[in-house]
Amino acid sequence: MEQFRAYRIHAQNDHASGQFDHLSFNDLCDGDVVIRVQHSSINYKDALAATGVGKIMKKFPLVGGIDAAGVVVSSDNKNVQPGDDVLVTGCGLGETHDGGYAEFARVRHEWVVPIPEGMSSWDVMCLGTAGFTAGLAIQRMEYNGQTPDKGPVVVTGATGGVGSFAIDMLAGLGYEVVALTSKRDQIDYLKKLGAKQVLLRQDMDFGSSALDAAKWAGAIDNVGGETLSWLTRTVGWWGNIACVGMASSADLHTTVLPLILRGINLLGINSMATPRPERLAVWKRLATDLKPKHLELIGHRTVDFDDIADHFNEFIDGKVTGRTVVKISN
């Protein structure tokens, strides 16, 4: 039986750590579609899982990687055919199901999305969960009435994958984008993506009042904690806050006043469990009106599969800007 390489996370003495293993298909989780993986990516969640810093994985050992893209080699479902160029993001990959850090992935057909026409496996893995999440956040905000004419939208955690894509996509749609970051040396990068203004977190006074002056028409928040609390107090009437991540903290300290006096909306964004119709709609837009104009600038780094373990701690330490694509195979 054919053997292939995979980067699996093992639990050792109550601590998770990763290593390369040689596997067969029988070692993988069940699924009706087998993909030869060409590219994956490194997300913050992948780094948390691989280093053991975060309790991401629900069972061990498990192949890491919440993203995968490549070519179908076998399928038991008529809607997915051998030779199809496909991608999978989220859906439990790298958490409850063997993920994309392997030369082959076996997945369920309902998770599989065709790679949009005109895009490559590198393109869609540069986007990956981060780009999909940014697109999903924007779509959810639009469903709730967000439009460029309402005013500026602030993006926090701006230099990360989700933040970078959110700035690019919002600017492309005609929004005035304000970026919030702690990285002074990345101001030029954020402006190249389309930010009209860059706020430095260390220069901010987030205050503690129940309601502050309205400054923003909406927000995409990647950090949580004090920043998200501040956003609830400063987003204006009928504005939307898309809650994407908790890079700073899972805490949220606020009152009902922004909700009942300004009618703001807190929108939870769960890209892993997105219903398939919504998932397909977002990926269609990522190839059309939401297609980033600065894909190569954001995805400035592609690393070899052999070197994947060298990069996880950079994410934990907050030293990564944009996206990191992993080349798994040709």
Protein backbone atom coordinates (compact mmCIF):
# COMPACT_ATOMS: atom_id res chain seq x y z
CA MET A 1 0.00 0.00 0.00
CA GLU A 2 1.30 3.46 -0.97
CA GLN A 3 2.99 5.39 1.82
CA PHE A 4 3.07 9.17 2.00
CA ARG A 5 4.38 11.85 4.32
CA ALA A 6 2.24 13.75 6.81
CA TYR A 7 2.94 16.20 9.59
CA ARG A 8 0.98 14.80 12.54
CA ILE A 9 0.37 16.24 15.96
CA HIS A 10 0.86 13.80 18.83
CA ALA A 11 0.00 14.13 22.49
CA GLN A 12 3.00 13.38 24.67
CA ASN A 13 2.83 13.79 28.45
CA ASP A 14 -0.22 16.05 28.14
CA HIS A 15 1.60 18.26 25.64
CA ALA A 16 1.02 18.39 21.89
CA SER A 17 3.94 18.30 19.46
CA GLY A 18 4.32 17.63 15.76
CA GLN A 19 6.46 15.31 13.67
CA PHE A 20 6.66 13.87 10.16
CA ASP A 21 5.16 10.37 9.88
CA HIS A 22 4.81 7.98 6.97
CA LEU A 23 1.16 6.99 6.60
CA SER A 24 -1.11 4.90 4.42
CA PHE A 25 -4.69 5.75 3.49
CA ASN A 26 -5.90 3.41 6.23
CA ASP A 27 -4.30 5.75 8.77
CA LEU A 28 -6.45 8.70 7.70
CA CYS A 29 -9.88 9.65 8.97
CA ASP A 30 -12.84 8.38 6.96
CA GLY A 31 -13.99 10.20 3.84
CA ASP A 32 -15.28 9.54 0.33
CA VAL A 33 -12.86 11.84 -1.55
CA VAL A 34 -9.06 11.56 -1.71
CA ILE A 35 -7.07 14.64 -2.71
CA ARG A 36 -3.43 14.85 -3.70
CA VAL A 37 -2.54 17.99 -1.75
CA GLN A 38 -0.49 20.59 -3.60
CA HIS A 39 -0.66 23.51 -1.19
CA SER A 40 -1.77 24.28 2.34
CA SER A 41 -1.15 27.27 4.60
CA ILE A 42 -0.22 28.19 8.15
CA ASN A 43 -2.91 29.86 10.20
CA TYR A 44 -2.70 31.06 13.79
CA LYS A 45 -4.92 28.13 14.77
CA ASP A 46 -2.48 25.72 13.08
CA ALA A 47 0.37 27.18 15.11
CA LEU A 48 -1.60 26.88 18.34
CA ALA A 49 -2.28 23.21 17.59
CA ALA A 50 1.23 22.30 16.44
CA THR A 51 2.98 23.93 19.39
CA GLY A 52 0.51 22.80 22.01
CA VAL A 53 -0.04 26.40 23.11
CA GLY A 54 -3.76 26.09 22.35
CA LYS A 55 -6.02 23.09 22.85
CA ILE A 56 -7.25 23.01 19.27
CA MET A 57 -7.25 19.32 18.42
CA LYS A 58 -9.96 17.11 19.82
CA LYS A 59 -8.11 13.84 19.29
CA PHE A 60 -4.58 12.54 18.70
CA PRO A 61 -2.63 11.77 16.65
CA LEU A 62 -4.03 13.95 13.90
CA VAL A 63 -2.63 15.45 10.70
CA GLY A 64 -2.41 19.22 11.11
CA GLY A 65 -3.52 21.92 8.71
CA ILE A 66 -6.99 23.49 8.51
CA ASP A 67 -6.58 24.24 4.77
CA ALA A 68 -5.85 22.04 1.75
CA ALA A 69 -5.93 22.41 -2.04
CA GLY A 70 -5.02 20.02 -4.81
CA VAL A 71 -6.36 17.47 -7.29
CA VAL A 72 -8.91 14.73 -6.66
CA VAL A 73 -7.42 11.26 -7.19
CA SER A 74 -10.47 9.20 -6.20
CA SER A 75 -14.08 9.85 -5.26
CA ASP A 76 -17.15 7.84 -4.31
CA ASN A 77 -19.45 10.78 -4.99
CA LYS A 78 -20.75 11.64 -8.45
CA ASN A 79 -20.43 15.39 -7.84
CA VAL A 80 -16.68 15.20 -7.28
CA GLN A 81 -14.60 13.61 -10.03
CA PRO A 82 -10.97 12.47 -10.28
CA GLY A 83 -8.93 15.25 -11.85
CA ASP A 84 -11.02 18.03 -10.31
CA ASP A 85 -9.06 20.94 -8.85
CA VAL A 86 -10.50 21.47 -5.38
CA LEU A 87 -10.02 23.08 -1.99
CA VAL A 88 -11.16 22.46 1.55
CA THR A 89 -11.01 24.99 4.39
CA GLY A 90 -12.22 24.51 7.94
CA CYS A 91 -14.88 21.78 8.27
CA GLY A 92 -12.89 20.27 11.14
CA LEU A 93 -9.65 19.76 9.22
CA GLY A 94 -6.72 19.82 11.63
CA GLU A 95 -9.10 19.81 14.61
CA THR A 96 -11.29 16.70 14.50
CA HIS A 97 -10.29 15.33 11.09
CA ASP A 98 -6.89 14.74 9.47
CA GLY A 99 -5.91 17.96 7.73
CA GLY A 100 -3.91 19.42 4.89
CA TYR A 101 -0.34 18.86 6.11
CA ALA A 102 0.01 15.63 4.15
CA GLU A 103 0.67 14.56 0.59
CA PHE A 104 -2.85 13.11 0.53
CA ALA A 105 -6.03 14.11 2.35
CA ARG A 106 -9.21 12.07 2.67
CA VAL A 107 -12.29 14.21 3.24
CA ARG A 108 -16.07 14.21 2.91
CA HIS A 109 -17.46 15.31 -0.42
CA GLU A 110 -19.71 17.95 1.14
CA TRP A 111 -16.63 19.82 2.33
CA VAL A 112 -15.07 20.00 -1.13
CA VAL A 113 -15.23 23.28 -3.05
CA PRO A 114 -14.16 23.56 -6.72
CA ILE A 115 -11.22 25.93 -7.19
CA PRO A 116 -12.77 28.95 -8.94
CA GLU A 117 -11.93 29.41 -12.60
CA GLY A 118 -8.76 31.40 -13.15
CA MET A 119 -7.32 30.58 -9.72
CA SER A 120 -4.58 28.09 -8.81
CA SER A 121 -4.08 25.94 -5.74
CA TRP A 122 -1.52 28.52 -4.55
CA ASP A 123 -4.04 31.33 -5.01
CA VAL A 124 -6.75 29.65 -2.97
CA MET A 125 -4.33 28.62 -0.23
CA CYS A 126 -2.95 32.13 -0.07
CA LEU A 127 -6.55 33.09 0.64
CA GLY A 128 -7.29 29.96 2.66
CA THR A 129 -9.26 30.18 5.87
CA ALA A 130 -8.05 33.77 6.37
CA GLY A 131 -9.34 35.07 3.05
CA PHE A 132 -12.53 33.07 3.32
CA THR A 133 -13.15 34.43 6.81
CA ALA A 134 -12.61 38.01 5.66
CA GLY A 135 -15.01 37.48 2.77
CA LEU A 136 -17.58 35.84 5.04
CA ALA A 137 -17.36 38.72 7.51
CA ILE A 138 -17.95 41.27 4.77
CA GLN A 139 -20.86 39.28 3.35
CA ARG A 140 -22.47 39.01 6.80
CA MET A 141 -22.07 42.76 7.30
CA GLU A 142 -23.62 43.45 3.90
CA TYR A 143 -26.58 41.23 4.77
CA ASN A 144 -27.05 43.57 7.73
CA GLY A 145 -27.07 46.72 5.64
CA GLN A 146 -23.38 47.70 5.57
CA THR A 147 -22.55 49.91 2.59
CA PRO A 148 -19.60 52.20 1.78
CA ASP A 149 -21.70 55.34 2.04
CA LYS A 150 -22.39 54.70 5.73
CA GLY A 151 -18.84 55.68 6.68
CA PRO A 152 -15.46 54.22 7.66
CA VAL A 153 -14.91 50.60 8.70
CA VAL A 154 -12.10 49.80 11.13
CA VAL A 155 -10.12 46.56 10.90
CA THR A 156 -8.22 45.37 13.98
CA GLY A 157 -5.35 42.90 13.99
CA ALA A 158 -4.74 44.48 10.63
CA THR A 159 -1.43 42.87 9.62
CA GLY A 160 -2.61 39.28 10.06
CA GLY A 161 -4.11 37.19 7.28
CA VAL A 162 -7.77 38.02 7.98
CA GLY A 163 -6.98 41.66 8.65
CA SER A 164 -4.86 42.09 5.52
CA PHE A 165 -7.50 40.54 3.27
CA ALA A 166 -10.32 42.47 4.95
CA ILE A 167 -8.54 45.77 4.24
CA ASP A 168 -7.86 44.82 0.61
CA MET A 169 -11.42 43.59 -0.02
CA LEU A 170 -13.18 46.46 1.74
CA ALA A 171 -11.06 49.03 -0.11
CA GLY A 172 -11.85 47.27 -3.39
CA LEU A 173 -15.57 47.61 -2.65
CA GLY A 174 -15.19 51.34 -2.07
CA TYR A 175 -15.10 51.47 1.73
CA GLU A 176 -12.98 53.92 3.67
CA VAL A 177 -10.81 51.58 5.74
CA VAL A 178 -9.07 52.38 9.01
CA ALA A 179 -6.46 49.86 10.18
CA LEU A 180 -5.60 49.27 13.84
CA THR A 181 -2.26 47.61 14.58
CA SER A 182 0.55 47.51 17.12
CA LYS A 183 3.20 47.20 14.38
CA ARG A 184 4.55 50.66 13.59
CA ASP A 185 6.89 49.23 10.95
CA GLN A 186 3.92 47.93 8.92
CA ILE A 187 2.13 51.24 8.33
CA ASP A 188 3.29 51.42 4.69
CA TYR A 189 2.19 47.81 4.11
CA LEU A 190 -1.31 48.55 5.40
CA LYS A 191 -1.62 51.67 3.28
CA LYS A 192 -0.56 49.72 0.19
CA LEU A 193 -3.43 47.33 0.89
CA GLY A 194 -5.88 50.24 0.89
CA ALA A 195 -6.07 51.60 4.44
CA LYS A 196 -6.76 55.35 4.41
CA GLN A 197 -5.68 55.70 8.03
CA VAL A 198 -3.57 53.57 10.37
CA LEU A 199 -4.04 53.74 14.14
CA LEU A 200 -1.33 52.41 16.45
CA ARG A 201 -2.69 50.41 19.36
CA GLN A 202 0.02 51.65 21.74
CA ASP A 203 -1.05 55.24 21.11
CA MET A 204 -4.73 54.53 21.83
CA ASP A 205 -6.72 55.33 24.95
CA PHE A 206 -9.51 52.77 24.91
CA GLY A 207 -11.33 54.40 27.83
CA SER A 208 -13.90 52.76 30.07
CA SER A 209 -17.16 54.64 29.65
CA ALA A 210 -20.34 52.79 28.71
CA LEU A 211 -20.70 54.72 25.43
CA ASP A 212 -18.21 56.92 23.56
CA ALA A 213 -18.50 59.19 20.53
CA ALA A 214 -19.49 57.30 17.40
CA LYS A 215 -16.53 57.04 15.03
CA TRP A 216 -17.07 54.03 12.77
CA ALA A 217 -19.82 52.67 10.60
CA GLY A 218 -18.60 49.13 11.16
CA ALA A 219 -15.67 46.96 12.18
CA ILE A 220 -13.99 43.62 11.60
CA ASP A 221 -12.31 42.56 14.82
CA ASN A 222 -9.61 39.90 15.05
CA VAL A 223 -8.38 40.45 18.58
CA GLY A 224 -11.25 40.55 21.08
CA GLY A 225 -10.77 41.77 24.65
CA GLU A 226 -10.27 45.45 25.33
CA THR A 227 -10.30 46.30 21.62
CA LEU A 228 -13.65 44.66 20.95
CA SER A 229 -15.12 46.31 24.06
CA TRP A 230 -13.94 49.68 22.71
CA LEU A 231 -15.48 48.97 19.33
CA THR A 232 -18.91 48.32 20.87
CA ARG A 233 -18.72 51.82 22.38
CA THR A 234 -17.46 53.63 19.26
CA VAL A 235 -19.32 52.04 16.33
CA GLY A 236 -22.18 54.28 15.28
CA TRP A 237 -25.90 53.82 14.77
CA TRP A 238 -26.95 50.52 13.15
CA GLY A 239 -23.30 49.62 12.62
CA ASN A 240 -21.98 46.07 12.41
CA ILE A 241 -19.06 44.50 14.23
CA ALA A 242 -17.93 41.19 12.74
CA CYS A 243 -16.25 39.21 15.54
CA VAL A 244 -13.61 37.01 13.95
CA GLY A 245 -10.90 36.20 16.47
CA MET A 246 -9.44 36.52 19.93
CA ALA A 247 -5.73 37.08 19.32
CA SER A 248 -5.61 39.37 22.36
CA SER A 249 -8.32 37.96 24.63
CA ALA A 250 -11.56 36.00 24.67
CA ASP A 251 -13.06 38.49 27.13
CA LEU A 252 -15.73 41.02 26.21
CA HIS A 253 -16.66 43.73 28.71
CA THR A 254 -19.50 45.93 27.56
CA THR A 255 -23.05 46.96 28.41
CA VAL A 256 -26.36 46.75 26.59
CA LEU A 257 -26.25 50.50 25.88
CA PRO A 258 -24.59 50.24 22.43
CA LEU A 259 -27.20 47.65 21.51
CA ILE A 260 -30.32 49.47 22.66
CA LEU A 261 -29.26 53.09 22.12
CA ARG A 262 -27.39 52.73 18.82
CA GLY A 263 -28.74 49.45 17.53
CA ILE A 264 -25.29 48.04 16.79
CA ASN A 265 -24.97 44.42 15.70
CA LEU A 266 -22.40 41.92 16.94
CA LEU A 267 -21.97 39.31 14.20
CA GLY A 268 -20.24 36.07 15.13
CA ILE A 269 -18.10 34.71 12.29
CA ASN A 270 -17.50 30.94 12.36
CA SER A 271 -15.76 30.04 9.12
CA MET A 272 -15.22 26.39 10.09
CA ALA A 273 -18.91 25.45 10.21
CA THR A 274 -20.25 27.72 7.46
CA PRO A 275 -23.26 26.15 5.66
CA ARG A 276 -22.30 24.91 2.21
CA PRO A 277 -24.49 27.37 0.19
CA GLU A 278 -22.90 30.29 2.03
CA ARG A 279 -19.44 28.75 1.62
CA LEU A 280 -19.85 28.39 -2.14
CA ALA A 281 -21.21 31.93 -2.44
CA VAL A 282 -18.22 33.42 -0.63
CA TRP A 283 -15.70 31.48 -2.71
CA LYS A 284 -17.45 32.65 -5.88
CA ARG A 285 -17.05 36.22 -4.71
CA LEU A 286 -13.40 35.66 -3.77
CA ALA A 287 -12.79 35.09 -7.48
CA THR A 288 -14.87 38.09 -8.56
CA ASP A 289 -15.84 41.24 -6.66
CA LEU A 290 -13.94 40.30 -3.48
CA LYS A 291 -10.81 39.11 -5.30
CA PRO A 292 -7.85 40.75 -3.54
CA LYS A 293 -5.83 43.21 -5.57
CA HIS A 294 -2.68 42.51 -3.55
CA LEU A 295 -2.65 38.73 -3.28
CA GLU A 296 1.10 38.37 -3.79
CA LEU A 297 1.87 41.19 -1.37
CA ILE A 298 -0.22 39.52 1.34
CA GLY A 299 1.02 36.02 0.48
CA HIS A 300 4.65 37.09 0.30
CA ARG A 301 6.01 33.87 1.78
CA THR A 302 5.81 30.29 0.48
CA VAL A 303 7.61 27.65 2.54
CA ASP A 304 8.50 24.05 1.73
CA PHE A 305 6.69 21.23 3.48
CA ASP A 306 10.02 20.06 4.93
CA ASP A 307 10.44 23.36 6.77
CA ILE A 308 6.92 23.79 8.13
CA ALA A 309 7.84 23.22 11.78
CA ASP A 310 10.32 26.12 11.67
CA HIS A 311 7.53 28.68 11.31
CA PHE A 312 4.88 27.92 13.93
CA ASN A 313 6.50 29.88 16.75
CA GLU A 314 6.62 33.01 14.58
CA PHE A 315 2.81 33.01 14.65
CA ILE A 316 2.68 32.45 18.40
CA ASP A 317 5.11 35.35 18.91
CA GLY A 318 3.07 37.69 16.69
CA LYS A 319 5.90 38.18 14.20
CA VAL A 320 4.01 37.24 11.02
CA THR A 321 2.56 39.68 8.52
CA GLY A 322 0.12 38.51 5.86
CA ARG A 323 -0.08 34.90 4.78
CA THR A 324 2.26 31.90 4.69
CA VAL A 325 1.56 29.28 2.01
CA VAL A 326 2.97 25.76 2.32
CA LYS A 327 4.04 23.91 -0.82
CA ILE A 328 3.19 20.27 -0.14
CA SER A 329 3.80 18.68 -3.56
CA ASN A 330 3.96 19.50 -7.26
